[in-house]
Amino acid sequence: MTASGVENALEFFAGLRLRWREILPLDRVRQLAEDSCRRHGIRSADALQLGAALLWCNEQPKGRNFICFDNRLLDAARATGFTVHSQ
């Protein structure tokens, strides 16, 4: 990636940062992550991401978008009810 490409990516990321909602690793996120590990066989970090997404949408994923580039996590998010997007 060129220097200008890196700058463009950092600028885009900074714009996103103004609009996102950060989900902290609360007990409910951990519970949802443990359940996701058991149910979908995904790695712990992926399960925490899915758990945070579930907490974000009040555990109502239908009609909510989930974007990632990891196939196992994408499959788990789809099975959970999210509308999934990848590259």
N, C-alpha and C. Protein backbone atom coordinates (compact mmCIF):
# COMPACT_ATOMS: atom_id res chain seq x y z
N MET A 1 0.85 -1.17 0.00
CA MET A 1 0.00 0.00 0.00
C MET A 1 0.90 1.24 0.00
N THR A 2 0.53 2.21 -0.79
CA THR A 2 1.31 3.44 -0.87
C THR A 2 1.07 4.32 0.35
N ALA A 3 1.93 5.31 0.52
CA ALA A 3 1.78 6.25 1.65
C ALA A 3 0.44 6.96 1.58
N SER A 4 0.02 7.35 0.39
CA SER A 4 -1.27 8.03 0.26
C SER A 4 -2.42 7.06 0.55
N GLY A 5 -2.24 5.80 0.21
CA GLY A 5 -3.25 4.80 0.52
C GLY A 5 -3.41 4.60 2.01
N VAL A 6 -2.29 4.59 2.72
CA VAL A 6 -2.33 4.47 4.18
C VAL A 6 -3.01 5.68 4.78
N GLU A 7 -2.66 6.87 4.30
CA GLU A 7 -3.30 8.10 4.81
C GLU A 7 -4.80 8.08 4.56
N ASN A 8 -5.21 7.64 3.38
CA ASN A 8 -6.64 7.56 3.07
C ASN A 8 -7.35 6.58 4.00
N ALA A 9 -6.71 5.44 4.25
CA ALA A 9 -7.30 4.45 5.13
C ALA A 9 -7.42 4.98 6.56
N LEU A 10 -6.40 5.67 7.04
CA LEU A 10 -6.42 6.24 8.39
C LEU A 10 -7.49 7.33 8.50
N GLU A 11 -7.64 8.12 7.48
CA GLU A 11 -8.66 9.16 7.47
C GLU A 11 -10.06 8.54 7.49
N PHE A 12 -10.26 7.51 6.70
CA PHE A 12 -11.54 6.80 6.67
C PHE A 12 -11.84 6.20 8.05
N PHE A 13 -10.84 5.57 8.65
CA PHE A 13 -10.97 4.96 9.97
C PHE A 13 -11.32 6.01 11.02
N ALA A 14 -10.70 7.17 10.96
CA ALA A 14 -10.99 8.26 11.90
C ALA A 14 -12.44 8.71 11.77
N GLY A 15 -12.96 8.75 10.55
CA GLY A 15 -14.37 9.09 10.35
C GLY A 15 -15.30 8.06 10.95
N LEU A 16 -14.95 6.80 10.80
CA LEU A 16 -15.76 5.73 11.39
C LEU A 16 -15.76 5.82 12.91
N ARG A 17 -14.62 6.14 13.47
CA ARG A 17 -14.47 6.20 14.93
C ARG A 17 -15.48 7.17 15.55
N LEU A 18 -15.86 8.21 14.83
CA LEU A 18 -16.81 9.19 15.33
C LEU A 18 -18.23 8.62 15.44
N ARG A 19 -18.49 7.52 14.72
CA ARG A 19 -19.85 6.99 14.65
C ARG A 19 -20.04 5.63 15.32
N TRP A 20 -18.98 4.95 15.71
CA TRP A 20 -19.19 3.62 16.25
C TRP A 20 -19.52 3.67 17.73
N ARG A 21 -20.06 2.57 18.21
CA ARG A 21 -20.37 2.39 19.62
C ARG A 21 -19.50 1.25 20.11
N GLU A 22 -18.66 1.53 21.08
CA GLU A 22 -17.76 0.51 21.59
C GLU A 22 -18.47 -0.31 22.66
N ILE A 23 -18.38 -1.63 22.53
CA ILE A 23 -18.99 -2.54 23.49
C ILE A 23 -17.88 -3.10 24.37
N LEU A 24 -17.98 -2.87 25.65
CA LEU A 24 -16.97 -3.35 26.60
C LEU A 24 -17.23 -4.82 26.95
N PRO A 25 -16.20 -5.53 27.38
CA PRO A 25 -16.35 -6.97 27.69
C PRO A 25 -17.08 -7.19 29.01
N LEU A 26 -18.36 -6.90 29.00
CA LEU A 26 -19.20 -7.10 30.18
C LEU A 26 -19.51 -8.58 30.35
N ASP A 27 -20.05 -8.93 31.51
CA ASP A 27 -20.38 -10.33 31.77
C ASP A 27 -21.31 -10.91 30.70
N ARG A 28 -22.28 -10.12 30.21
CA ARG A 28 -23.21 -10.64 29.20
C ARG A 28 -22.47 -10.93 27.90
N VAL A 29 -21.52 -10.10 27.53
CA VAL A 29 -20.73 -10.36 26.31
C VAL A 29 -19.98 -11.67 26.48
N ARG A 30 -19.40 -11.87 27.65
CA ARG A 30 -18.67 -13.12 27.90
C ARG A 30 -19.59 -14.32 27.83
N GLN A 31 -20.79 -14.20 28.39
CA GLN A 31 -21.75 -15.31 28.34
C GLN A 31 -22.14 -15.63 26.91
N LEU A 32 -22.43 -14.60 26.14
CA LEU A 32 -22.79 -14.79 24.73
C LEU A 32 -21.62 -15.40 23.95
N ALA A 33 -20.40 -14.98 24.28
CA ALA A 33 -19.22 -15.53 23.61
C ALA A 33 -19.03 -17.00 23.93
N GLU A 34 -19.20 -17.36 25.20
CA GLU A 34 -19.08 -18.78 25.58
C GLU A 34 -20.11 -19.62 24.85
N ASP A 35 -21.33 -19.12 24.77
CA ASP A 35 -22.38 -19.83 24.06
C ASP A 35 -22.04 -19.97 22.58
N SER A 36 -21.49 -18.92 21.99
CA SER A 36 -21.11 -18.97 20.57
C SER A 36 -19.99 -19.96 20.31
N CYS A 37 -19.04 -20.06 21.24
CA CYS A 37 -17.97 -21.05 21.10
C CYS A 37 -18.55 -22.46 21.07
N ARG A 38 -19.46 -22.71 22.00
CA ARG A 38 -20.07 -24.04 22.07
C ARG A 38 -20.94 -24.33 20.84
N ARG A 39 -21.74 -23.38 20.49
CA ARG A 39 -22.73 -23.57 19.42
C ARG A 39 -22.11 -23.61 18.04
N HIS A 40 -21.11 -22.76 17.79
CA HIS A 40 -20.59 -22.60 16.43
C HIS A 40 -19.15 -23.06 16.25
N GLY A 41 -18.47 -23.43 17.33
CA GLY A 41 -17.09 -23.90 17.22
C GLY A 41 -16.13 -22.84 16.72
N ILE A 42 -16.37 -21.59 17.09
CA ILE A 42 -15.47 -20.51 16.66
C ILE A 42 -14.45 -20.21 17.75
N ARG A 43 -13.40 -19.51 17.37
CA ARG A 43 -12.33 -19.15 18.31
C ARG A 43 -12.83 -18.11 19.30
N SER A 44 -12.13 -18.01 20.42
CA SER A 44 -12.59 -17.14 21.51
C SER A 44 -12.66 -15.66 21.10
N ALA A 45 -11.66 -15.15 20.38
CA ALA A 45 -11.70 -13.75 19.97
C ALA A 45 -12.86 -13.49 19.02
N ASP A 46 -13.13 -14.44 18.13
CA ASP A 46 -14.27 -14.31 17.22
C ASP A 46 -15.58 -14.35 18.00
N ALA A 47 -15.64 -15.22 18.99
CA ALA A 47 -16.84 -15.33 19.81
C ALA A 47 -17.09 -14.05 20.60
N LEU A 48 -16.03 -13.40 21.07
CA LEU A 48 -16.20 -12.12 21.75
C LEU A 48 -16.74 -11.05 20.80
N GLN A 49 -16.27 -11.06 19.56
CA GLN A 49 -16.77 -10.11 18.57
C GLN A 49 -18.25 -10.36 18.30
N LEU A 50 -18.62 -11.62 18.15
CA LEU A 50 -20.02 -11.96 17.91
C LEU A 50 -20.87 -11.62 19.14
N GLY A 51 -20.35 -11.90 20.32
CA GLY A 51 -21.07 -11.57 21.55
C GLY A 51 -21.31 -10.07 21.68
N ALA A 52 -20.29 -9.27 21.35
CA ALA A 52 -20.43 -7.82 21.40
C ALA A 52 -21.47 -7.35 20.38
N ALA A 53 -21.48 -7.95 19.21
CA ALA A 53 -22.47 -7.58 18.19
C ALA A 53 -23.88 -7.93 18.67
N LEU A 54 -24.01 -9.06 19.32
CA LEU A 54 -25.32 -9.44 19.85
C LEU A 54 -25.78 -8.49 20.95
N LEU A 55 -24.87 -8.07 21.81
CA LEU A 55 -25.23 -7.12 22.85
C LEU A 55 -25.63 -5.78 22.22
N TRP A 56 -24.89 -5.36 21.20
CA TRP A 56 -25.17 -4.11 20.50
C TRP A 56 -26.60 -4.07 19.97
N CYS A 57 -27.07 -5.19 19.44
CA CYS A 57 -28.41 -5.22 18.83
C CYS A 57 -29.47 -5.78 19.79
N ASN A 58 -29.15 -5.77 21.08
CA ASN A 58 -30.07 -6.29 22.10
C ASN A 58 -30.51 -7.72 21.82
N GLU A 59 -29.57 -8.50 21.29
CA GLU A 59 -29.77 -9.91 20.98
C GLU A 59 -30.91 -10.13 19.98
N GLN A 60 -31.09 -9.13 19.11
CA GLN A 60 -32.08 -9.21 18.03
C GLN A 60 -31.35 -8.96 16.70
N PRO A 61 -30.62 -9.96 16.18
CA PRO A 61 -29.76 -9.73 15.01
C PRO A 61 -30.49 -9.65 13.67
N LYS A 62 -31.76 -10.05 13.61
CA LYS A 62 -32.47 -10.05 12.33
C LYS A 62 -32.51 -8.64 11.75
N GLY A 63 -32.05 -8.53 10.50
CA GLY A 63 -32.03 -7.24 9.81
C GLY A 63 -30.82 -6.38 10.15
N ARG A 64 -29.92 -6.89 10.99
CA ARG A 64 -28.71 -6.16 11.35
C ARG A 64 -27.55 -6.68 10.52
N ASN A 65 -26.67 -5.79 10.13
CA ASN A 65 -25.53 -6.16 9.28
C ASN A 65 -24.33 -6.56 10.12
N PHE A 66 -23.61 -7.56 9.64
CA PHE A 66 -22.38 -8.03 10.26
C PHE A 66 -21.35 -8.13 9.16
N ILE A 67 -20.26 -7.41 9.29
CA ILE A 67 -19.23 -7.36 8.26
C ILE A 67 -17.94 -7.94 8.80
N CYS A 68 -17.37 -8.91 8.10
CA CYS A 68 -16.06 -9.44 8.47
C CYS A 68 -15.50 -10.21 7.29
N PHE A 69 -14.25 -10.64 7.42
CA PHE A 69 -13.59 -11.35 6.34
C PHE A 69 -13.11 -12.73 6.78
N ASP A 70 -13.64 -13.22 7.90
CA ASP A 70 -13.29 -14.53 8.42
C ASP A 70 -14.49 -15.46 8.17
N ASN A 71 -14.28 -16.51 7.41
CA ASN A 71 -15.39 -17.36 7.00
C ASN A 71 -16.10 -18.04 8.17
N ARG A 72 -15.34 -18.52 9.16
CA ARG A 72 -15.98 -19.18 10.30
C ARG A 72 -16.84 -18.21 11.09
N LEU A 73 -16.33 -17.01 11.32
CA LEU A 73 -17.10 -16.00 12.04
C LEU A 73 -18.31 -15.57 11.22
N LEU A 74 -18.12 -15.44 9.92
CA LEU A 74 -19.22 -15.08 9.03
C LEU A 74 -20.33 -16.13 9.09
N ASP A 75 -19.95 -17.39 9.06
CA ASP A 75 -20.95 -18.47 9.15
C ASP A 75 -21.68 -18.45 10.48
N ALA A 76 -20.95 -18.18 11.57
CA ALA A 76 -21.57 -18.12 12.89
C ALA A 76 -22.53 -16.94 12.98
N ALA A 77 -22.14 -15.80 12.45
CA ALA A 77 -23.00 -14.61 12.47
C ALA A 77 -24.26 -14.86 11.64
N ARG A 78 -24.10 -15.51 10.50
CA ARG A 78 -25.26 -15.84 9.66
C ARG A 78 -26.19 -16.80 10.41
N ALA A 79 -25.63 -17.82 11.03
CA ALA A 79 -26.44 -18.79 11.77
C ALA A 79 -27.15 -18.15 12.96
N THR A 80 -26.56 -17.08 13.49
CA THR A 80 -27.15 -16.38 14.63
C THR A 80 -28.29 -15.48 14.17
N GLY A 81 -28.31 -15.11 12.90
CA GLY A 81 -29.41 -14.31 12.38
C GLY A 81 -29.02 -12.99 11.76
N PHE A 82 -27.73 -12.66 11.78
CA PHE A 82 -27.27 -11.41 11.16
C PHE A 82 -27.31 -11.53 9.64
N THR A 83 -27.44 -10.40 8.98
CA THR A 83 -27.21 -10.30 7.55
C THR A 83 -25.72 -10.08 7.39
N VAL A 84 -25.04 -10.98 6.73
CA VAL A 84 -23.57 -10.93 6.70
C VAL A 84 -23.05 -10.38 5.38
N HIS A 85 -21.89 -9.73 5.48
CA HIS A 85 -21.23 -9.13 4.33
C HIS A 85 -19.74 -9.42 4.44
N SER A 86 -19.14 -9.76 3.34
CA SER A 86 -17.68 -9.94 3.26
C SER A 86 -17.22 -9.31 1.96
N GLN A 87 -15.99 -9.60 1.58
CA GLN A 87 -15.47 -8.98 0.36
C GLN A 87 -16.13 -9.44 -0.89
